[in-house]
Amino acid sequence: MITLRLEFQKIKRKKIGLTMAAFMGILFAWLFWATSNPTERELHQGWLAHLQTQPLLCAIMMPTIMSVLASRLADIEHKGNTYKQLKTLRTAGALFHAKALCGFLFILAMTAANYLFLLALGYGLGYVGNPDPKAYLFSFVLQAACCLSLYLLQLDLSLLFFNQMIPLVIGLCGSMLGVILMYLKTYSFLPWGGFLSSAIVMMDWNAETRIINYYYRSFTAMELFALAMIPIWIAIFYIAGGILFTRKES
C-alpha cells in the first residue's frame, strides 16, 4: 500500500490524470458527434448501436491511450533515475505490481466514465426503451480487460526501454493494426485485436435498402477462443513484466 501511495503522489505531480481526462474528452466528443441527430430508426436501435460502435472507437484510441499512460508512469522513474532508490524501500517486484495496479485503477475509472457517458448520451438523445444491464455490464468488463492487457504490454515495454518513443510508436502502430483488423475479420488472437473479439453486438448493412440492423453476436468456437485470449494475454504480460523488471533492477 505504501508503494501504491507513492505512485499516486508521483502521478499527482505529473498531472497524468489530466492527460487521461483530455483523451477521454476527445473520445466523448467523437461519440457525441457520431450519434447526434439520430433518425427514428436509430432511436429504436441506439442502445445496441452503442455496443457496436464502442469497440471500434476503443480499437482506434485505446492502444495509444494505454501507451501514453504506461509511458508516463515509467518515465517518472527513467528521468529521475529513482529505481535503485525506490528499491531501498520496496522490492522491484512490489514496484512493478504497484504500477500495474495503479494503471488498472485508471482503466476502471476511465471505463466507468465511458459507459456512464454512453448512458447519459442515450437518455439525452431519447433512445427508445432502456439498455440491457447484463449486456452493458458484460461489455464494460470486456473493455476494461482489453485495456488492461494493452496497458500491461505497454508497461513492460516502457520499463524496458529508456527511450519512451519506442513503446509510444508501438502503441500507435497497435491502434492502426486494431482498425485494420476490424475491417478484415470478426476476431483476432493478437492483444490489439481484443476489442474486435469482444464486440458483443454486430452490424448488418443492407446495400439495397441502405438500412442498418444491429444484433447480438453468436460467438463461434474460434471467436470464443479469441475472447479467451484476453485474460491469457493479461496473465502473460503481468508475469513477464514482473520477471523482466526484477531482473533489470537486480
C-alpha atoms as a PDB file:
ATOM      1  CA  MET A   1       0.000   0.000   0.000  1.00  0.00           C
ATOM      2  CA  ILE A   2       2.915   2.359   0.712  1.00  0.00           C
ATOM      3  CA  THR A   3       4.323   1.731  -2.778  1.00  0.00           C
ATOM      4  CA  LEU A   4       0.922   2.364  -4.371  1.00  0.00           C
ATOM      5  CA  ARG A   5       0.537   5.578  -2.386  1.00  0.00           C
ATOM      6  CA  LEU A   6       3.936   6.741  -3.626  1.00  0.00           C
ATOM      7  CA  GLU A   7       2.819   6.069  -7.206  1.00  0.00           C
ATOM      8  CA  PHE A   8      -0.245   8.271  -6.814  1.00  0.00           C
ATOM      9  CA  GLN A   9       1.839  11.040  -5.261  1.00  0.00           C
ATOM     10  CA  LYS A  10       4.111  10.989  -8.308  1.00  0.00           C
ATOM     11  CA  ILE A  11       1.087  10.894 -10.627  1.00  0.00           C
ATOM     12  CA  LYS A  12      -0.371  13.968  -8.948  1.00  0.00           C
ATOM     13  CA  ARG A  13       2.818  15.937  -9.572  1.00  0.00           C
ATOM     14  CA  LYS A  14       2.973  14.840 -13.221  1.00  0.00           C
ATOM     15  CA  LYS A  15      -0.740  15.591 -13.824  1.00  0.00           C
ATOM     16  CA  ILE A  16      -1.237  12.224 -15.517  1.00  0.00           C
ATOM     17  CA  GLY A  17      -4.907  12.308 -14.534  1.00  0.00           C
ATOM     18  CA  LEU A  18      -5.420  15.481 -16.570  1.00  0.00           C
ATOM     19  CA  THR A  19      -3.769  13.849 -19.571  1.00  0.00           C
ATOM     20  CA  MET A  20      -6.114  10.860 -19.364  1.00  0.00           C
ATOM     21  CA  ALA A  21      -9.110  13.167 -18.881  1.00  0.00           C
ATOM     22  CA  ALA A  22      -8.138  15.040 -22.058  1.00  0.00           C
ATOM     23  CA  PHE A  23      -8.018  11.775 -24.019  1.00  0.00           C
ATOM     24  CA  MET A  24     -11.417  10.742 -22.674  1.00  0.00           C
ATOM     25  CA  GLY A  25     -12.772  14.170 -23.600  1.00  0.00           C
ATOM     26  CA  ILE A  26     -11.739  13.508 -27.206  1.00  0.00           C
ATOM     27  CA  LEU A  27     -13.450  10.122 -27.103  1.00  0.00           C
ATOM     28  CA  PHE A  28     -16.640  11.632 -25.663  1.00  0.00           C
ATOM     29  CA  ALA A  29     -16.662  14.359 -28.327  1.00  0.00           C
ATOM     30  CA  TRP A  30     -16.243  11.715 -31.028  1.00  0.00           C
ATOM     31  CA  LEU A  31     -19.113   9.651 -29.601  1.00  0.00           C
ATOM     32  CA  PHE A  32     -21.364  12.701 -29.412  1.00  0.00           C
ATOM     33  CA  TRP A  33     -20.545  13.720 -32.987  1.00  0.00           C
ATOM     34  CA  ALA A  34     -21.149  10.171 -34.284  1.00  0.00           C
ATOM     35  CA  THR A  35     -24.548   9.807 -32.600  1.00  0.00           C
ATOM     36  CA  SER A  36     -26.029  13.304 -32.733  1.00  0.00           C
ATOM     37  CA  ASN A  37     -29.177  13.939 -34.796  1.00  0.00           C
ATOM     38  CA  PRO A  38     -30.386  10.300 -34.814  1.00  0.00           C
ATOM     39  CA  THR A  39     -33.160   9.150 -37.136  1.00  0.00           C
ATOM     40  CA  GLU A  40     -36.319   7.482 -35.859  1.00  0.00           C
ATOM     41  CA  ARG A  41     -34.863   4.061 -36.620  1.00  0.00           C
ATOM     42  CA  GLU A  42     -31.622   4.943 -34.854  1.00  0.00           C
ATOM     43  CA  LEU A  43     -33.573   5.984 -31.766  1.00  0.00           C
ATOM     44  CA  HIS A  44     -35.033   2.467 -31.608  1.00  0.00           C
ATOM     45  CA  GLN A  45     -31.647   0.764 -32.069  1.00  0.00           C
ATOM     46  CA  GLY A  46     -29.461   3.282 -30.265  1.00  0.00           C
ATOM     47  CA  TRP A  47     -28.633   1.154 -27.228  1.00  0.00           C
ATOM     48  CA  LEU A  48     -27.422  -1.696 -29.447  1.00  0.00           C
ATOM     49  CA  ALA A  49     -25.592   0.711 -31.740  1.00  0.00           C
ATOM     50  CA  HIS A  50     -23.548   1.967 -28.787  1.00  0.00           C
ATOM     51  CA  LEU A  51     -22.302  -1.553 -28.077  1.00  0.00           C
ATOM     52  CA  GLN A  52     -21.297  -1.959 -31.729  1.00  0.00           C
ATOM     53  CA  THR A  53     -19.602   1.429 -32.081  1.00  0.00           C
ATOM     54  CA  GLN A  54     -17.763   1.332 -28.772  1.00  0.00           C
ATOM     55  CA  PRO A  55     -15.258  -1.445 -29.661  1.00  0.00           C
ATOM     56  CA  LEU A  56     -14.386   0.318 -32.928  1.00  0.00           C
ATOM     57  CA  LEU A  57     -13.604   3.605 -31.193  1.00  0.00           C
ATOM     58  CA  CYS A  58     -11.657   1.772 -28.494  1.00  0.00           C
ATOM     59  CA  ALA A  59      -9.631  -0.088 -31.120  1.00  0.00           C
ATOM     60  CA  ILE A  60      -8.699   3.282 -32.617  1.00  0.00           C
ATOM     61  CA  MET A  61      -7.888   5.197 -29.433  1.00  0.00           C
ATOM     62  CA  MET A  62      -7.164   2.856 -26.535  1.00  0.00           C
ATOM     63  CA  PRO A  63      -3.820   1.388 -27.708  1.00  0.00           C
ATOM     64  CA  THR A  64      -2.471   4.929 -27.924  1.00  0.00           C
ATOM     65  CA  ILE A  65      -4.049   5.998 -24.616  1.00  0.00           C
ATOM     66  CA  MET A  66      -2.663   2.935 -22.840  1.00  0.00           C
ATOM     67  CA  SER A  67       0.798   3.539 -24.292  1.00  0.00           C
ATOM     68  CA  VAL A  68       0.756   7.144 -23.049  1.00  0.00           C
ATOM     69  CA  LEU A  69      -0.446   6.080 -19.582  1.00  0.00           C
ATOM     70  CA  ALA A  70       2.221   3.387 -19.262  1.00  0.00           C
ATOM     71  CA  SER A  71       4.927   5.664 -20.666  1.00  0.00           C
ATOM     72  CA  ARG A  72       4.131   8.488 -18.243  1.00  0.00           C
ATOM     73  CA  LEU A  73       4.187   6.100 -15.262  1.00  0.00           C
ATOM     74  CA  ALA A  74       7.508   4.556 -16.317  1.00  0.00           C
ATOM     75  CA  ASP A  75       9.149   7.777 -17.466  1.00  0.00           C
ATOM     76  CA  ILE A  76       8.906   9.178 -13.945  1.00  0.00           C
ATOM     77  CA  GLU A  77      11.498   6.634 -12.849  1.00  0.00           C
ATOM     78  CA  HIS A  78      13.595   6.802 -16.034  1.00  0.00           C
ATOM     79  CA  LYS A  79      14.072  10.572 -15.904  1.00  0.00           C
ATOM     80  CA  GLY A  80      14.575  10.703 -12.154  1.00  0.00           C
ATOM     81  CA  ASN A  81      16.742   7.569 -12.149  1.00  0.00           C
ATOM     82  CA  THR A  82      14.897   6.544  -8.998  1.00  0.00           C
ATOM     83  CA  TYR A  83      14.638   2.774  -9.486  1.00  0.00           C
ATOM     84  CA  LYS A  84      17.521   1.883  -7.196  1.00  0.00           C
ATOM     85  CA  GLN A  85      16.453   4.476  -4.624  1.00  0.00           C
ATOM     86  CA  LEU A  86      12.928   3.071  -4.518  1.00  0.00           C
ATOM     87  CA  LYS A  87      14.293  -0.449  -4.161  1.00  0.00           C
ATOM     88  CA  THR A  88      15.631   0.527  -0.751  1.00  0.00           C
ATOM     89  CA  LEU A  89      12.008   0.963   0.327  1.00  0.00           C
ATOM     90  CA  ARG A  90      10.375  -1.933  -1.521  1.00  0.00           C
ATOM     91  CA  THR A  91      11.364  -4.834  -3.775  1.00  0.00           C
ATOM     92  CA  ALA A  92      11.487  -4.433  -7.563  1.00  0.00           C
ATOM     93  CA  GLY A  93       8.524  -6.798  -7.829  1.00  0.00           C
ATOM     94  CA  ALA A  94       6.467  -4.620  -5.494  1.00  0.00           C
ATOM     95  CA  LEU A  95       7.262  -1.558  -7.616  1.00  0.00           C
ATOM     96  CA  PHE A  96       6.047  -3.292 -10.771  1.00  0.00           C
ATOM     97  CA  HIS A  97       2.889  -4.569  -9.072  1.00  0.00           C
ATOM     98  CA  ALA A  98       2.152  -1.045  -7.792  1.00  0.00           C
ATOM     99  CA  LYS A  99       2.465   0.429 -11.286  1.00  0.00           C
ATOM    100  CA  ALA A 100       0.284  -2.347 -12.701  1.00  0.00           C
ATOM    101  CA  LEU A 101      -2.382  -1.777 -10.038  1.00  0.00           C
ATOM    102  CA  CYS A 102      -2.189   1.988 -10.461  1.00  0.00           C
ATOM    103  CA  GLY A 103      -2.814   1.638 -14.193  1.00  0.00           C
ATOM    104  CA  PHE A 104      -5.670  -0.783 -13.558  1.00  0.00           C
ATOM    105  CA  LEU A 105      -7.393   1.754 -11.295  1.00  0.00           C
ATOM    106  CA  PHE A 106      -7.026   4.370 -14.028  1.00  0.00           C
ATOM    107  CA  ILE A 107      -8.558   1.920 -16.504  1.00  0.00           C
ATOM    108  CA  LEU A 108     -11.516   1.201 -14.221  1.00  0.00           C
ATOM    109  CA  ALA A 109     -12.153   4.924 -13.761  1.00  0.00           C
ATOM    110  CA  MET A 110     -11.920   5.694 -17.486  1.00  0.00           C
ATOM    111  CA  THR A 111     -14.079   2.719 -18.481  1.00  0.00           C
ATOM    112  CA  ALA A 112     -16.713   3.631 -15.894  1.00  0.00           C
ATOM    113  CA  ALA A 113     -16.731   7.237 -17.135  1.00  0.00           C
ATOM    114  CA  ASN A 114     -17.039   5.973 -20.692  1.00  0.00           C
ATOM    115  CA  TYR A 115     -20.104   3.842 -20.010  1.00  0.00           C
ATOM    116  CA  LEU A 116     -21.748   6.470 -17.841  1.00  0.00           C
ATOM    117  CA  PHE A 117     -21.333   8.862 -20.753  1.00  0.00           C
ATOM    118  CA  LEU A 118     -22.924   6.302 -23.102  1.00  0.00           C
ATOM    119  CA  LEU A 119     -25.926   6.004 -20.779  1.00  0.00           C
ATOM    120  CA  ALA A 120     -26.254   9.769 -20.381  1.00  0.00           C
ATOM    121  CA  LEU A 121     -25.944  10.224 -24.144  1.00  0.00           C
ATOM    122  CA  GLY A 122     -28.573   7.591 -24.884  1.00  0.00           C
ATOM    123  CA  TYR A 123     -31.114   9.020 -22.457  1.00  0.00           C
ATOM    124  CA  GLY A 124     -30.278  12.563 -23.541  1.00  0.00           C
ATOM    125  CA  LEU A 125     -30.905  11.757 -27.205  1.00  0.00           C
ATOM    126  CA  GLY A 126     -34.156   9.986 -26.335  1.00  0.00           C
ATOM    127  CA  TYR A 127     -33.348   6.371 -27.204  1.00  0.00           C
ATOM    128  CA  VAL A 128     -36.406   4.144 -27.042  1.00  0.00           C
ATOM    129  CA  GLY A 129     -36.532   1.787 -24.066  1.00  0.00           C
ATOM    130  CA  ASN A 130     -33.683   1.063 -21.681  1.00  0.00           C
ATOM    131  CA  PRO A 131     -30.272  -0.553 -22.171  1.00  0.00           C
ATOM    132  CA  ASP A 132     -29.809  -4.211 -21.311  1.00  0.00           C
ATOM    133  CA  PRO A 133     -27.949  -4.107 -17.949  1.00  0.00           C
ATOM    134  CA  LYS A 134     -26.318  -7.518 -18.458  1.00  0.00           C
ATOM    135  CA  ALA A 135     -25.101  -6.637 -21.953  1.00  0.00           C
ATOM    136  CA  TYR A 136     -23.673  -3.312 -20.857  1.00  0.00           C
ATOM    137  CA  LEU A 137     -22.022  -4.838 -17.783  1.00  0.00           C
ATOM    138  CA  PHE A 138     -20.506  -7.610 -19.905  1.00  0.00           C
ATOM    139  CA  SER A 139     -19.268  -5.063 -22.428  1.00  0.00           C
ATOM    140  CA  PHE A 140     -17.831  -2.958 -19.585  1.00  0.00           C
ATOM    141  CA  VAL A 141     -15.852  -5.912 -18.218  1.00  0.00           C
ATOM    142  CA  LEU A 142     -14.557  -6.866 -21.663  1.00  0.00           C
ATOM    143  CA  GLN A 143     -13.444  -3.324 -22.468  1.00  0.00           C
ATOM    144  CA  ALA A 144     -11.633  -2.985 -19.138  1.00  0.00           C
ATOM    145  CA  ALA A 145      -9.935  -6.355 -19.700  1.00  0.00           C
ATOM    146  CA  CYS A 146      -8.811  -5.380 -23.216  1.00  0.00           C
ATOM    147  CA  CYS A 147      -7.414  -2.099 -21.922  1.00  0.00           C
ATOM    148  CA  LEU A 148      -5.610  -3.887 -19.098  1.00  0.00           C
ATOM    149  CA  SER A 149      -3.913  -6.334 -21.467  1.00  0.00           C
ATOM    150  CA  LEU A 150      -2.689  -3.452 -23.633  1.00  0.00           C
ATOM    151  CA  TYR A 151      -1.605  -1.419 -20.620  1.00  0.00           C
ATOM    152  CA  LEU A 152       0.463  -4.285 -19.194  1.00  0.00           C
ATOM    153  CA  LEU A 153       2.111  -4.832 -22.588  1.00  0.00           C
ATOM    154  CA  GLN A 154       2.944  -1.146 -22.864  1.00  0.00           C
ATOM    155  CA  LEU A 155       4.123  -1.010 -19.246  1.00  0.00           C
ATOM    156  CA  ASP A 156       6.549  -3.869 -19.921  1.00  0.00           C
ATOM    157  CA  LEU A 157       7.902  -2.017 -22.959  1.00  0.00           C
ATOM    158  CA  SER A 158       8.050   1.349 -21.181  1.00  0.00           C
ATOM    159  CA  LEU A 159      10.005  -0.085 -18.263  1.00  0.00           C
ATOM    160  CA  LEU A 160      12.277  -1.992 -20.623  1.00  0.00           C
ATOM    161  CA  PHE A 161      13.228   0.938 -22.881  1.00  0.00           C
ATOM    162  CA  PHE A 162      14.684   4.196 -21.613  1.00  0.00           C
ATOM    163  CA  ASN A 163      13.632   5.948 -24.831  1.00  0.00           C
ATOM    164  CA  GLN A 164       9.847   6.217 -24.467  1.00  0.00           C
ATOM    165  CA  MET A 165       9.362   6.897 -28.179  1.00  0.00           C
ATOM    166  CA  ILE A 166       9.777   3.172 -28.846  1.00  0.00           C
ATOM    167  CA  PRO A 167       6.753   1.982 -26.800  1.00  0.00           C
ATOM    168  CA  LEU A 168       4.731   5.023 -27.920  1.00  0.00           C
ATOM    169  CA  VAL A 169       5.322   4.176 -31.591  1.00  0.00           C
ATOM    170  CA  ILE A 170       4.343   0.570 -30.870  1.00  0.00           C
ATOM    171  CA  GLY A 171       1.130   1.856 -29.291  1.00  0.00           C
ATOM    172  CA  LEU A 172       0.345   3.982 -32.345  1.00  0.00           C
ATOM    173  CA  CYS A 173       1.022   1.029 -34.636  1.00  0.00           C
ATOM    174  CA  GLY A 174      -1.260  -1.064 -32.423  1.00  0.00           C
ATOM    175  CA  SER A 175      -4.060   1.465 -32.968  1.00  0.00           C
ATOM    176  CA  MET A 176      -3.653   1.208 -36.739  1.00  0.00           C
ATOM    177  CA  LEU A 177      -3.488  -2.580 -36.600  1.00  0.00           C
ATOM    178  CA  GLY A 178      -6.628  -2.732 -34.474  1.00  0.00           C
ATOM    179  CA  VAL A 179      -8.552  -0.661 -37.013  1.00  0.00           C
ATOM    180  CA  ILE A 180      -7.308  -2.768 -39.927  1.00  0.00           C
ATOM    181  CA  LEU A 181      -8.343  -5.967 -38.167  1.00  0.00           C
ATOM    182  CA  MET A 182     -11.812  -4.514 -37.568  1.00  0.00           C
ATOM    183  CA  TYR A 183     -12.430  -4.384 -41.315  1.00  0.00           C
ATOM    184  CA  LEU A 184     -10.829  -7.740 -42.153  1.00  0.00           C
ATOM    185  CA  LYS A 185     -12.021 -10.218 -39.535  1.00  0.00           C
ATOM    186  CA  THR A 186     -14.521 -10.820 -36.759  1.00  0.00           C
ATOM    187  CA  TYR A 187     -11.897 -11.917 -34.234  1.00  0.00           C
ATOM    188  CA  SER A 188      -8.168 -11.798 -33.569  1.00  0.00           C
ATOM    189  CA  PHE A 189      -5.755 -13.573 -31.248  1.00  0.00           C
ATOM    190  CA  LEU A 190      -3.478 -10.527 -31.041  1.00  0.00           C
ATOM    191  CA  PRO A 191      -3.711  -8.226 -27.988  1.00  0.00           C
ATOM    192  CA  TRP A 192      -4.549  -5.252 -30.252  1.00  0.00           C
ATOM    193  CA  GLY A 193      -7.466  -7.237 -31.662  1.00  0.00           C
ATOM    194  CA  GLY A 194      -9.097  -7.747 -28.282  1.00  0.00           C
ATOM    195  CA  PHE A 195     -11.723  -5.067 -28.880  1.00  0.00           C
ATOM    196  CA  LEU A 196     -12.655  -6.789 -32.142  1.00  0.00           C
ATOM    197  CA  SER A 197     -13.028 -10.163 -30.421  1.00  0.00           C
ATOM    198  CA  SER A 198     -15.012  -8.673 -27.524  1.00  0.00           C
ATOM    199  CA  ALA A 199     -17.681  -6.891 -29.597  1.00  0.00           C
ATOM    200  CA  ILE A 200     -20.973  -8.403 -28.434  1.00  0.00           C
ATOM    201  CA  VAL A 201     -23.136  -6.546 -30.983  1.00  0.00           C
ATOM    202  CA  MET A 202     -22.672  -6.788 -34.744  1.00  0.00           C
ATOM    203  CA  MET A 203     -23.979  -4.664 -37.615  1.00  0.00           C
ATOM    204  CA  ASP A 204     -25.768  -5.815 -40.757  1.00  0.00           C
ATOM    205  CA  TRP A 205     -25.732  -3.323 -43.641  1.00  0.00           C
ATOM    206  CA  ASN A 206     -28.234  -3.806 -46.471  1.00  0.00           C
ATOM    207  CA  ALA A 207     -26.794  -2.112 -49.551  1.00  0.00           C
ATOM    208  CA  GLU A 208     -30.114  -2.128 -51.411  1.00  0.00           C
ATOM    209  CA  THR A 209     -32.295  -0.597 -48.715  1.00  0.00           C
ATOM    210  CA  ARG A 210     -29.392   1.264 -47.071  1.00  0.00           C
ATOM    211  CA  ILE A 211     -30.704   0.129 -43.705  1.00  0.00           C
ATOM    212  CA  ILE A 212     -28.520  -0.906 -40.773  1.00  0.00           C
ATOM    213  CA  ASN A 213     -29.648  -3.550 -38.321  1.00  0.00           C
ATOM    214  CA  TYR A 214     -27.867  -4.351 -35.060  1.00  0.00           C
ATOM    215  CA  TYR A 215     -27.990  -7.755 -33.402  1.00  0.00           C
ATOM    216  CA  TYR A 216     -26.369  -9.625 -30.539  1.00  0.00           C
ATOM    217  CA  ARG A 217     -23.436 -11.711 -31.648  1.00  0.00           C
ATOM    218  CA  SER A 218     -23.466 -15.506 -31.573  1.00  0.00           C
ATOM    219  CA  PHE A 219     -19.867 -16.485 -30.880  1.00  0.00           C
ATOM    220  CA  THR A 220     -18.317 -19.351 -32.844  1.00  0.00           C
ATOM    221  CA  ALA A 221     -15.791 -21.691 -31.223  1.00  0.00           C
ATOM    222  CA  MET A 222     -12.853 -19.773 -32.726  1.00  0.00           C
ATOM    223  CA  GLU A 223     -14.335 -16.433 -31.629  1.00  0.00           C
ATOM    224  CA  LEU A 224     -14.734 -17.752 -28.076  1.00  0.00           C
ATOM    225  CA  PHE A 225     -11.103 -18.905 -28.139  1.00  0.00           C
ATOM    226  CA  ALA A 226     -10.038 -15.440 -29.311  1.00  0.00           C
ATOM    227  CA  LEU A 227     -12.100 -13.958 -26.471  1.00  0.00           C
ATOM    228  CA  ALA A 228     -10.349 -16.270 -24.008  1.00  0.00           C
ATOM    229  CA  MET A 229      -7.005 -14.911 -25.215  1.00  0.00           C
ATOM    230  CA  ILE A 230      -7.699 -11.598 -23.462  1.00  0.00           C
ATOM    231  CA  PRO A 231      -7.194 -12.911 -19.878  1.00  0.00           C
ATOM    232  CA  ILE A 232      -4.359 -15.094 -21.171  1.00  0.00           C
ATOM    233  CA  TRP A 233      -2.550 -12.008 -22.516  1.00  0.00           C
ATOM    234  CA  ILE A 234      -3.152 -10.256 -19.191  1.00  0.00           C
ATOM    235  CA  ALA A 235      -1.506 -13.130 -17.304  1.00  0.00           C
ATOM    236  CA  ILE A 236       1.412 -13.361 -19.770  1.00  0.00           C
ATOM    237  CA  PHE A 237       2.199  -9.635 -19.723  1.00  0.00           C
ATOM    238  CA  TYR A 238       1.785  -9.389 -15.951  1.00  0.00           C
ATOM    239  CA  ILE A 239       4.077 -12.326 -15.188  1.00  0.00           C
ATOM    240  CA  ALA A 240       6.606 -11.372 -17.865  1.00  0.00           C
ATOM    241  CA  GLY A 241       6.676  -7.763 -16.678  1.00  0.00           C
ATOM    242  CA  GLY A 242       7.335  -8.750 -13.086  1.00  0.00           C
ATOM    243  CA  ILE A 243      10.174 -11.059 -14.131  1.00  0.00           C
ATOM    244  CA  LEU A 244      11.759  -8.603 -16.572  1.00  0.00           C
ATOM    245  CA  PHE A 245      11.562  -5.674 -14.161  1.00  0.00           C
ATOM    246  CA  THR A 246      13.021  -7.681 -11.282  1.00  0.00           C
ATOM    247  CA  ARG A 247      15.906  -8.926 -13.408  1.00  0.00           C
ATOM    248  CA  LYS A 248      16.537  -5.488 -14.844  1.00  0.00           C
ATOM    249  CA  GLU A 249      16.892  -3.915 -11.423  1.00  0.00           C
ATOM    250  CA  SER A 250      18.699  -6.799  -9.711  1.00  0.00           C
END
